[in-house]
Amino acid sequence: MFEQVRRRSRLSVALGMADVIYHSIVRDVRKQHGNAILAIGVNMLQIIIFVAVFYVMFSLLGLRGPGAIRGDFMIYLLTGIFLYMTNVKTLGAVMGAEGPSSAMMQHAPMNTIVAIGAAALGALYIQVLTLAVILFGYHVLISPITINDPAGAFMMFLLAWFAGIALGLVLLALKPWFPTFTNVVATVYKRANMIASGKMFVANTLPGFMIAMFDWNPLFHIIDQSRGYAFINYYPRYTNWEFPLIVCCCFIVLGLMGEFYTRRHASLSWDARR
């Protein structure tokens, strides 16, 4: 009765939503540690160690020659391992976003779309920062880096991130209904893509019967296309970027439909099942 209604312009609503998303991103990034710098550092250190281990392993085992493309070996690793890490990290972040039964949803500006967006953007922030640190450190301390088409390579990086959002959104919608099943699917996806993503080999060197074993995987196309943009002497013959984009858009639509249905049937008992 005594509530005062204030009309807000679309710009004001958009800025208010952006502010909510920003604070949600900060909260999401700082989940692992109370100190913001240490929270970012822990996330970055995990990825840097993973890349460093593969770099040393490939060097010691002598696997840098036959399978790799002629060019900088670190770029070869980053177009494979780093895109894989970006994909699975984003999937995990989106899948672990706050659901409709979360206590955070009791706050008026907050909703599940903001939580999903914050999780996805927080993962992107960490990955971009880590990529910048790795490239800068390698360029300054070890060897100058040259990328044939930086814009195209970065677009493939964003497509790998988008693919993680798409699948993570579908699993997030299914998680309240089938919590064990979705966790198993996520684990199997991450383990299978250790090989199926093609980060360990070059698609152009595979025989035809082996291409059929991997070309169903959008991440396989993304990694191979990123190498086509990164290296001047490599042209992907068996992959394209349109296929993963179409598949990801379909998963986004299915995920949003599932999330809307799940949100309408939210139950506080779901949190106890996780």
C-alpha atoms as a PDB file:
ATOM      1  CA  MET A   1       0.000   0.000   0.000  1.00  0.00           C
ATOM      2  CA  PHE A   2       2.775   2.442   0.939  1.00  0.00           C
ATOM      3  CA  GLU A   3       5.336   1.018  -1.479  1.00  0.00           C
ATOM      4  CA  GLN A   4       6.780   3.595  -3.809  1.00  0.00           C
ATOM      5  CA  VAL A   5       7.194   2.427  -7.399  1.00  0.00           C
ATOM      6  CA  ARG A   6      10.019   4.044  -9.312  1.00  0.00           C
ATOM      7  CA  ARG A   7      10.199   3.734 -13.064  1.00  0.00           C
ATOM      8  CA  ARG A   8      13.577   2.636 -14.358  1.00  0.00           C
ATOM      9  CA  SER A   9      14.903   2.992 -17.873  1.00  0.00           C
ATOM     10  CA  ARG A  10      16.265   0.029 -19.792  1.00  0.00           C
ATOM     11  CA  LEU A  11      19.775   1.409 -19.399  1.00  0.00           C
ATOM     12  CA  SER A  12      19.326   1.619 -15.633  1.00  0.00           C
ATOM     13  CA  VAL A  13      18.040  -1.966 -15.493  1.00  0.00           C
ATOM     14  CA  ALA A  14      20.965  -3.171 -17.619  1.00  0.00           C
ATOM     15  CA  LEU A  15      23.522  -1.358 -15.432  1.00  0.00           C
ATOM     16  CA  GLY A  16      21.905  -2.754 -12.288  1.00  0.00           C
ATOM     17  CA  MET A  17      22.039  -6.279 -13.690  1.00  0.00           C
ATOM     18  CA  ALA A  18      25.663  -5.801 -14.730  1.00  0.00           C
ATOM     19  CA  ASP A  19      26.493  -4.716 -11.172  1.00  0.00           C
ATOM     20  CA  VAL A  20      24.837  -7.842  -9.752  1.00  0.00           C
ATOM     21  CA  ILE A  21      26.733 -10.043 -12.228  1.00  0.00           C
ATOM     22  CA  TYR A  22      30.017  -8.329 -11.346  1.00  0.00           C
ATOM     23  CA  HIS A  23      29.619  -8.999  -7.631  1.00  0.00           C
ATOM     24  CA  SER A  24      28.520 -12.566  -8.377  1.00  0.00           C
ATOM     25  CA  ILE A  25      31.687 -13.082 -10.457  1.00  0.00           C
ATOM     26  CA  VAL A  26      33.841 -11.782  -7.592  1.00  0.00           C
ATOM     27  CA  ARG A  27      32.086 -14.124  -5.173  1.00  0.00           C
ATOM     28  CA  ASP A  28      32.474 -17.063  -7.556  1.00  0.00           C
ATOM     29  CA  VAL A  29      36.195 -16.441  -8.135  1.00  0.00           C
ATOM     30  CA  ARG A  30      36.873 -16.055  -4.403  1.00  0.00           C
ATOM     31  CA  LYS A  31      35.177 -19.308  -3.408  1.00  0.00           C
ATOM     32  CA  GLN A  32      38.475 -21.148  -2.955  1.00  0.00           C
ATOM     33  CA  HIS A  33      40.135 -18.542  -0.759  1.00  0.00           C
ATOM     34  CA  GLY A  34      39.182 -15.456   1.187  1.00  0.00           C
ATOM     35  CA  ASN A  35      42.035 -13.459  -0.302  1.00  0.00           C
ATOM     36  CA  ALA A  36      41.189 -12.372  -3.859  1.00  0.00           C
ATOM     37  CA  ILE A  37      44.780 -12.499  -5.147  1.00  0.00           C
ATOM     38  CA  LEU A  38      45.391 -15.961  -3.682  1.00  0.00           C
ATOM     39  CA  ALA A  39      42.070 -17.196  -5.055  1.00  0.00           C
ATOM     40  CA  ILE A  40      43.074 -16.133  -8.576  1.00  0.00           C
ATOM     41  CA  GLY A  41      46.599 -17.445  -8.055  1.00  0.00           C
ATOM     42  CA  VAL A  42      45.388 -20.912  -7.012  1.00  0.00           C
ATOM     43  CA  ASN A  43      43.219 -21.199 -10.115  1.00  0.00           C
ATOM     44  CA  MET A  44      46.036 -20.014 -12.364  1.00  0.00           C
ATOM     45  CA  LEU A  45      48.622 -22.274 -10.733  1.00  0.00           C
ATOM     46  CA  GLN A  46      46.563 -25.400 -11.437  1.00  0.00           C
ATOM     47  CA  ILE A  47      46.500 -24.682 -15.170  1.00  0.00           C
ATOM     48  CA  ILE A  48      50.129 -23.540 -15.372  1.00  0.00           C
ATOM     49  CA  ILE A  49      51.326 -26.725 -13.634  1.00  0.00           C
ATOM     50  CA  PHE A  50      49.202 -28.857 -15.960  1.00  0.00           C
ATOM     51  CA  VAL A  51      50.700 -27.207 -19.065  1.00  0.00           C
ATOM     52  CA  ALA A  52      54.229 -27.359 -17.616  1.00  0.00           C
ATOM     53  CA  VAL A  53      53.927 -31.080 -16.822  1.00  0.00           C
ATOM     54  CA  PHE A  54      52.866 -31.884 -20.378  1.00  0.00           C
ATOM     55  CA  TYR A  55      55.635 -29.693 -21.781  1.00  0.00           C
ATOM     56  CA  VAL A  56      58.297 -31.538 -19.762  1.00  0.00           C
ATOM     57  CA  MET A  57      56.750 -34.947 -20.445  1.00  0.00           C
ATOM     58  CA  PHE A  58      56.618 -34.415 -24.217  1.00  0.00           C
ATOM     59  CA  SER A  59      60.178 -33.077 -24.195  1.00  0.00           C
ATOM     60  CA  LEU A  60      61.635 -35.966 -22.167  1.00  0.00           C
ATOM     61  CA  LEU A  61      59.796 -38.670 -24.118  1.00  0.00           C
ATOM     62  CA  GLY A  62      60.788 -37.190 -27.461  1.00  0.00           C
ATOM     63  CA  LEU A  63      57.209 -36.714 -28.655  1.00  0.00           C
ATOM     64  CA  ARG A  64      57.742 -33.214 -29.977  1.00  0.00           C
ATOM     65  CA  GLY A  65      58.765 -34.220 -33.477  1.00  0.00           C
ATOM     66  CA  PRO A  66      56.526 -36.719 -35.296  1.00  0.00           C
ATOM     67  CA  GLY A  67      53.086 -35.646 -34.064  1.00  0.00           C
ATOM     68  CA  ALA A  68      53.591 -31.937 -33.565  1.00  0.00           C
ATOM     69  CA  ILE A  69      53.303 -29.213 -36.193  1.00  0.00           C
ATOM     70  CA  ARG A  70      56.436 -27.379 -37.281  1.00  0.00           C
ATOM     71  CA  GLY A  71      56.515 -24.272 -35.160  1.00  0.00           C
ATOM     72  CA  ASP A  72      56.673 -23.264 -31.520  1.00  0.00           C
ATOM     73  CA  PHE A  73      55.933 -26.279 -29.337  1.00  0.00           C
ATOM     74  CA  MET A  74      54.365 -24.167 -26.575  1.00  0.00           C
ATOM     75  CA  ILE A  75      51.772 -22.849 -29.032  1.00  0.00           C
ATOM     76  CA  TYR A  76      51.083 -26.450 -30.048  1.00  0.00           C
ATOM     77  CA  LEU A  77      50.475 -27.338 -26.398  1.00  0.00           C
ATOM     78  CA  LEU A  78      48.343 -24.284 -25.683  1.00  0.00           C
ATOM     79  CA  THR A  79      46.086 -24.887 -28.694  1.00  0.00           C
ATOM     80  CA  GLY A  80      45.467 -28.371 -27.351  1.00  0.00           C
ATOM     81  CA  ILE A  81      45.845 -28.615 -23.603  1.00  0.00           C
ATOM     82  CA  PHE A  82      44.795 -25.075 -22.746  1.00  0.00           C
ATOM     83  CA  LEU A  83      41.626 -25.218 -24.858  1.00  0.00           C
ATOM     84  CA  TYR A  84      40.777 -28.544 -23.247  1.00  0.00           C
ATOM     85  CA  MET A  85      41.313 -27.050 -19.786  1.00  0.00           C
ATOM     86  CA  THR A  86      39.200 -24.019 -20.681  1.00  0.00           C
ATOM     87  CA  ASN A  87      36.379 -26.274 -21.835  1.00  0.00           C
ATOM     88  CA  VAL A  88      36.294 -28.558 -18.810  1.00  0.00           C
ATOM     89  CA  LYS A  89      36.880 -25.744 -16.289  1.00  0.00           C
ATOM     90  CA  THR A  90      33.957 -23.795 -17.732  1.00  0.00           C
ATOM     91  CA  LEU A  91      31.770 -26.904 -17.764  1.00  0.00           C
ATOM     92  CA  GLY A  92      32.530 -27.503 -14.094  1.00  0.00           C
ATOM     93  CA  ALA A  93      31.920 -23.854 -13.185  1.00  0.00           C
ATOM     94  CA  VAL A  94      28.545 -23.668 -14.959  1.00  0.00           C
ATOM     95  CA  MET A  95      27.459 -27.057 -13.680  1.00  0.00           C
ATOM     96  CA  GLY A  96      28.319 -25.956 -10.132  1.00  0.00           C
ATOM     97  CA  ALA A  97      26.475 -22.627 -10.380  1.00  0.00           C
ATOM     98  CA  GLU A  98      23.872 -21.664  -7.774  1.00  0.00           C
ATOM     99  CA  GLY A  99      20.567 -23.426  -8.424  1.00  0.00           C
ATOM    100  CA  PRO A 100      16.977 -22.261  -7.861  1.00  0.00           C
ATOM    101  CA  SER A 101      16.922 -23.719  -4.339  1.00  0.00           C
ATOM    102  CA  SER A 102      20.106 -21.928  -3.257  1.00  0.00           C
ATOM    103  CA  ALA A 103      19.940 -19.442  -0.397  1.00  0.00           C
ATOM    104  CA  MET A 104      21.396 -16.795  -2.710  1.00  0.00           C
ATOM    105  CA  MET A 105      18.154 -16.822  -4.706  1.00  0.00           C
ATOM    106  CA  GLN A 106      16.359 -15.296  -1.720  1.00  0.00           C
ATOM    107  CA  HIS A 107      17.937 -11.942  -2.598  1.00  0.00           C
ATOM    108  CA  ALA A 108      15.704  -9.997  -4.955  1.00  0.00           C
ATOM    109  CA  PRO A 109      18.140  -9.038  -7.760  1.00  0.00           C
ATOM    110  CA  MET A 110      19.629 -12.534  -7.869  1.00  0.00           C
ATOM    111  CA  ASN A 111      18.383 -15.259 -10.194  1.00  0.00           C
ATOM    112  CA  THR A 112      19.723 -18.425 -11.791  1.00  0.00           C
ATOM    113  CA  ILE A 113      20.650 -16.711 -15.066  1.00  0.00           C
ATOM    114  CA  VAL A 114      22.854 -14.269 -13.150  1.00  0.00           C
ATOM    115  CA  ALA A 115      24.461 -17.189 -11.289  1.00  0.00           C
ATOM    116  CA  ILE A 116      25.142 -19.064 -14.539  1.00  0.00           C
ATOM    117  CA  GLY A 117      26.504 -15.951 -16.228  1.00  0.00           C
ATOM    118  CA  ALA A 118      28.735 -15.176 -13.245  1.00  0.00           C
ATOM    119  CA  ALA A 119      30.124 -18.725 -13.198  1.00  0.00           C
ATOM    120  CA  ALA A 120      30.844 -18.652 -16.944  1.00  0.00           C
ATOM    121  CA  LEU A 121      32.414 -15.177 -16.924  1.00  0.00           C
ATOM    122  CA  GLY A 122      34.439 -15.998 -13.807  1.00  0.00           C
ATOM    123  CA  ALA A 123      35.886 -19.047 -15.568  1.00  0.00           C
ATOM    124  CA  LEU A 124      36.638 -16.954 -18.664  1.00  0.00           C
ATOM    125  CA  TYR A 125      38.379 -14.311 -16.547  1.00  0.00           C
ATOM    126  CA  ILE A 126      40.652 -16.907 -14.950  1.00  0.00           C
ATOM    127  CA  GLN A 127      41.454 -18.564 -18.285  1.00  0.00           C
ATOM    128  CA  VAL A 128      42.253 -15.301 -20.087  1.00  0.00           C
ATOM    129  CA  LEU A 129      44.442 -14.116 -17.217  1.00  0.00           C
ATOM    130  CA  THR A 130      46.272 -17.446 -17.101  1.00  0.00           C
ATOM    131  CA  LEU A 131      46.773 -17.455 -20.870  1.00  0.00           C
ATOM    132  CA  ALA A 132      48.206 -13.933 -20.747  1.00  0.00           C
ATOM    133  CA  VAL A 133      50.623 -14.901 -17.941  1.00  0.00           C
ATOM    134  CA  ILE A 134      51.811 -18.051 -19.754  1.00  0.00           C
ATOM    135  CA  LEU A 135      52.306 -16.302 -23.098  1.00  0.00           C
ATOM    136  CA  PHE A 136      54.025 -13.298 -21.542  1.00  0.00           C
ATOM    137  CA  GLY A 137      56.318 -15.410 -19.373  1.00  0.00           C
ATOM    138  CA  TYR A 138      57.259 -17.734 -22.237  1.00  0.00           C
ATOM    139  CA  HIS A 139      57.757 -14.836 -24.661  1.00  0.00           C
ATOM    140  CA  VAL A 140      60.018 -12.926 -22.271  1.00  0.00           C
ATOM    141  CA  LEU A 141      61.932 -15.728 -20.561  1.00  0.00           C
ATOM    142  CA  ILE A 142      62.248 -18.506 -23.158  1.00  0.00           C
ATOM    143  CA  SER A 143      61.436 -17.669 -26.763  1.00  0.00           C
ATOM    144  CA  PRO A 144      59.502 -15.002 -28.718  1.00  0.00           C
ATOM    145  CA  ILE A 145      56.045 -16.184 -29.737  1.00  0.00           C
ATOM    146  CA  THR A 146      54.529 -15.685 -33.179  1.00  0.00           C
ATOM    147  CA  ILE A 147      50.865 -16.554 -33.879  1.00  0.00           C
ATOM    148  CA  ASN A 148      49.767 -16.527 -37.510  1.00  0.00           C
ATOM    149  CA  ASP A 149      46.203 -15.295 -36.871  1.00  0.00           C
ATOM    150  CA  PRO A 150      45.784 -14.199 -33.226  1.00  0.00           C
ATOM    151  CA  ALA A 151      42.158 -13.106 -33.723  1.00  0.00           C
ATOM    152  CA  GLY A 152      41.128 -16.455 -35.201  1.00  0.00           C
ATOM    153  CA  ALA A 153      42.994 -18.410 -32.529  1.00  0.00           C
ATOM    154  CA  PHE A 154      41.328 -16.347 -29.802  1.00  0.00           C
ATOM    155  CA  MET A 155      37.910 -16.943 -31.373  1.00  0.00           C
ATOM    156  CA  MET A 156      38.536 -20.691 -31.115  1.00  0.00           C
ATOM    157  CA  PHE A 157      39.475 -20.156 -27.477  1.00  0.00           C
ATOM    158  CA  LEU A 158      36.126 -18.414 -26.952  1.00  0.00           C
ATOM    159  CA  LEU A 159      34.353 -21.209 -28.821  1.00  0.00           C
ATOM    160  CA  ALA A 160      35.907 -23.779 -26.461  1.00  0.00           C
ATOM    161  CA  TRP A 161      34.639 -21.660 -23.559  1.00  0.00           C
ATOM    162  CA  PHE A 162      31.193 -21.437 -25.170  1.00  0.00           C
ATOM    163  CA  ALA A 163      31.126 -25.227 -25.636  1.00  0.00           C
ATOM    164  CA  GLY A 164      31.800 -25.646 -21.912  1.00  0.00           C
ATOM    165  CA  ILE A 165      28.886 -23.312 -21.123  1.00  0.00           C
ATOM    166  CA  ALA A 166      26.543 -25.207 -23.446  1.00  0.00           C
ATOM    167  CA  LEU A 167      27.177 -28.671 -22.019  1.00  0.00           C
ATOM    168  CA  GLY A 168      27.425 -27.347 -18.465  1.00  0.00           C
ATOM    169  CA  LEU A 169      24.024 -25.693 -18.827  1.00  0.00           C
ATOM    170  CA  VAL A 170      22.415 -28.969 -19.903  1.00  0.00           C
ATOM    171  CA  LEU A 171      23.988 -30.830 -16.983  1.00  0.00           C
ATOM    172  CA  LEU A 172      22.983 -28.046 -14.588  1.00  0.00           C
ATOM    173  CA  ALA A 173      19.349 -28.428 -15.658  1.00  0.00           C
ATOM    174  CA  LEU A 174      19.529 -32.203 -15.177  1.00  0.00           C
ATOM    175  CA  LYS A 175      21.487 -32.131 -11.915  1.00  0.00           C
ATOM    176  CA  PRO A 176      18.544 -31.648  -9.481  1.00  0.00           C
ATOM    177  CA  TRP A 177      16.688 -34.565 -11.079  1.00  0.00           C
ATOM    178  CA  PHE A 178      19.642 -36.944 -11.594  1.00  0.00           C
ATOM    179  CA  PRO A 179      22.534 -35.754  -9.387  1.00  0.00           C
ATOM    180  CA  THR A 180      24.610 -38.947  -9.559  1.00  0.00           C
ATOM    181  CA  PHE A 181      24.054 -39.417 -13.285  1.00  0.00           C
ATOM    182  CA  THR A 182      25.137 -35.878 -14.158  1.00  0.00           C
ATOM    183  CA  ASN A 183      28.293 -36.150 -12.050  1.00  0.00           C
ATOM    184  CA  VAL A 184      29.190 -39.406 -13.811  1.00  0.00           C
ATOM    185  CA  VAL A 185      28.534 -37.851 -17.247  1.00  0.00           C
ATOM    186  CA  ALA A 186      30.734 -34.858 -16.410  1.00  0.00           C
ATOM    187  CA  THR A 187      33.549 -37.123 -15.184  1.00  0.00           C
ATOM    188  CA  VAL A 188      33.329 -39.385 -18.237  1.00  0.00           C
ATOM    189  CA  TYR A 189      33.325 -36.344 -20.539  1.00  0.00           C
ATOM    190  CA  LYS A 190      36.460 -34.921 -18.921  1.00  0.00           C
ATOM    191  CA  ARG A 191      38.305 -38.249 -18.951  1.00  0.00           C
ATOM    192  CA  ALA A 192      37.261 -39.178 -22.493  1.00  0.00           C
ATOM    193  CA  ASN A 193      38.353 -35.805 -23.853  1.00  0.00           C
ATOM    194  CA  MET A 194      41.868 -36.396 -22.578  1.00  0.00           C
ATOM    195  CA  ILE A 195      42.161 -38.365 -25.836  1.00  0.00           C
ATOM    196  CA  ALA A 196      39.004 -37.652 -27.867  1.00  0.00           C
ATOM    197  CA  SER A 197      39.639 -33.904 -27.960  1.00  0.00           C
ATOM    198  CA  GLY A 198      42.689 -34.440 -30.182  1.00  0.00           C
ATOM    199  CA  LYS A 199      44.973 -32.336 -28.045  1.00  0.00           C
ATOM    200  CA  MET A 200      47.699 -34.987 -28.153  1.00  0.00           C
ATOM    201  CA  PHE A 201      47.851 -35.373 -31.943  1.00  0.00           C
ATOM    202  CA  VAL A 202      47.238 -33.573 -35.224  1.00  0.00           C
ATOM    203  CA  ALA A 203      44.019 -34.381 -37.097  1.00  0.00           C
ATOM    204  CA  ASN A 204      45.640 -34.174 -40.541  1.00  0.00           C
ATOM    205  CA  THR A 205      48.031 -37.030 -39.688  1.00  0.00           C
ATOM    206  CA  LEU A 206      45.237 -39.485 -38.782  1.00  0.00           C
ATOM    207  CA  PRO A 207      43.960 -42.131 -41.228  1.00  0.00           C
ATOM    208  CA  GLY A 208      40.354 -41.913 -42.376  1.00  0.00           C
ATOM    209  CA  PHE A 209      39.001 -44.636 -40.075  1.00  0.00           C
ATOM    210  CA  MET A 210      40.404 -42.799 -37.039  1.00  0.00           C
ATOM    211  CA  ILE A 211      38.943 -39.445 -38.096  1.00  0.00           C
ATOM    212  CA  ALA A 212      35.487 -41.055 -37.867  1.00  0.00           C
ATOM    213  CA  MET A 213      36.242 -41.924 -34.235  1.00  0.00           C
ATOM    214  CA  PHE A 214      36.788 -38.285 -33.254  1.00  0.00           C
ATOM    215  CA  ASP A 215      34.853 -35.973 -35.594  1.00  0.00           C
ATOM    216  CA  TRP A 216      31.658 -36.299 -33.512  1.00  0.00           C
ATOM    217  CA  ASN A 217      33.379 -34.261 -30.796  1.00  0.00           C
ATOM    218  CA  PRO A 218      32.991 -30.461 -31.089  1.00  0.00           C
ATOM    219  CA  LEU A 219      36.153 -29.938 -29.032  1.00  0.00           C
ATOM    220  CA  PHE A 220      38.127 -31.996 -31.562  1.00  0.00           C
ATOM    221  CA  HIS A 221      37.071 -29.548 -34.294  1.00  0.00           C
ATOM    222  CA  ILE A 222      37.806 -26.507 -32.125  1.00  0.00           C
ATOM    223  CA  ILE A 223      41.340 -27.606 -31.214  1.00  0.00           C
ATOM    224  CA  ASP A 224      42.220 -28.531 -34.792  1.00  0.00           C
ATOM    225  CA  GLN A 225      40.841 -25.243 -36.117  1.00  0.00           C
ATOM    226  CA  SER A 226      42.778 -23.277 -33.494  1.00  0.00           C
ATOM    227  CA  ARG A 227      45.986 -24.890 -34.756  1.00  0.00           C
ATOM    228  CA  GLY A 228      45.062 -23.843 -38.266  1.00  0.00           C
ATOM    229  CA  TYR A 229      44.853 -20.236 -37.090  1.00  0.00           C
ATOM    230  CA  ALA A 230      47.956 -20.421 -34.904  1.00  0.00           C
ATOM    231  CA  PHE A 231      50.371 -21.994 -37.414  1.00  0.00           C
ATOM    232  CA  ILE A 232      51.068 -20.632 -40.876  1.00  0.00           C
ATOM    233  CA  ASN A 233      52.038 -24.058 -42.263  1.00  0.00           C
ATOM    234  CA  TYR A 234      48.985 -26.011 -41.061  1.00  0.00           C
ATOM    235  CA  TYR A 235      45.586 -26.116 -42.763  1.00  0.00           C
ATOM    236  CA  PRO A 236      42.844 -28.279 -41.164  1.00  0.00           C
ATOM    237  CA  ARG A 237      41.365 -30.616 -43.782  1.00  0.00           C
ATOM    238  CA  TYR A 238      38.938 -32.672 -41.725  1.00  0.00           C
ATOM    239  CA  THR A 239      37.416 -30.153 -39.326  1.00  0.00           C
ATOM    240  CA  ASN A 240      35.481 -26.884 -39.319  1.00  0.00           C
ATOM    241  CA  TRP A 241      34.319 -24.377 -36.724  1.00  0.00           C
ATOM    242  CA  GLU A 242      30.681 -24.278 -37.903  1.00  0.00           C
ATOM    243  CA  PHE A 243      29.869 -27.752 -36.575  1.00  0.00           C
ATOM    244  CA  PRO A 244      30.810 -27.055 -32.923  1.00  0.00           C
ATOM    245  CA  LEU A 245      29.051 -23.675 -33.062  1.00  0.00           C
ATOM    246  CA  ILE A 246      25.788 -25.250 -34.266  1.00  0.00           C
ATOM    247  CA  VAL A 247      26.009 -28.069 -31.718  1.00  0.00           C
ATOM    248  CA  CYS A 248      26.709 -25.588 -28.897  1.00  0.00           C
ATOM    249  CA  CYS A 249      23.760 -23.387 -29.880  1.00  0.00           C
ATOM    250  CA  CYS A 250      21.483 -26.445 -29.810  1.00  0.00           C
ATOM    251  CA  PHE A 251      22.771 -27.386 -26.352  1.00  0.00           C
ATOM    252  CA  ILE A 252      22.273 -23.801 -25.143  1.00  0.00           C
ATOM    253  CA  VAL A 253      18.615 -23.877 -26.226  1.00  0.00           C
ATOM    254  CA  LEU A 254      18.064 -27.281 -24.615  1.00  0.00           C
ATOM    255  CA  GLY A 255      19.847 -26.170 -21.458  1.00  0.00           C
ATOM    256  CA  LEU A 256      17.809 -22.973 -21.121  1.00  0.00           C
ATOM    257  CA  MET A 257      14.576 -24.904 -21.658  1.00  0.00           C
ATOM    258  CA  GLY A 258      15.623 -27.465 -19.047  1.00  0.00           C
ATOM    259  CA  GLU A 259      16.739 -24.788 -16.603  1.00  0.00           C
ATOM    260  CA  PHE A 260      13.415 -22.948 -16.956  1.00  0.00           C
ATOM    261  CA  TYR A 261      11.471 -26.155 -16.318  1.00  0.00           C
ATOM    262  CA  THR A 262      13.685 -27.077 -13.366  1.00  0.00           C
ATOM    263  CA  ARG A 263      13.361 -23.599 -11.853  1.00  0.00           C
ATOM    264  CA  ARG A 264       9.564 -23.848 -11.906  1.00  0.00           C
ATOM    265  CA  HIS A 265       9.703 -27.131  -9.990  1.00  0.00           C
ATOM    266  CA  ALA A 266      12.399 -26.131  -7.503  1.00  0.00           C
ATOM    267  CA  SER A 267      12.442 -27.840  -4.126  1.00  0.00           C
ATOM    268  CA  LEU A 268      14.506 -27.002  -1.050  1.00  0.00           C
ATOM    269  CA  SER A 269      15.178 -30.717  -0.545  1.00  0.00           C
ATOM    270  CA  TRP A 270      17.379 -30.760  -3.650  1.00  0.00           C
ATOM    271  CA  ASP A 271      20.315 -29.255  -1.814  1.00  0.00           C
ATOM    272  CA  ALA A 272      20.341 -32.211   0.584  1.00  0.00           C
ATOM    273  CA  ARG A 273      20.747 -34.622  -2.344  1.00  0.00           C
ATOM    274  CA  ARG A 274      23.933 -33.040  -3.721  1.00  0.00           C
END
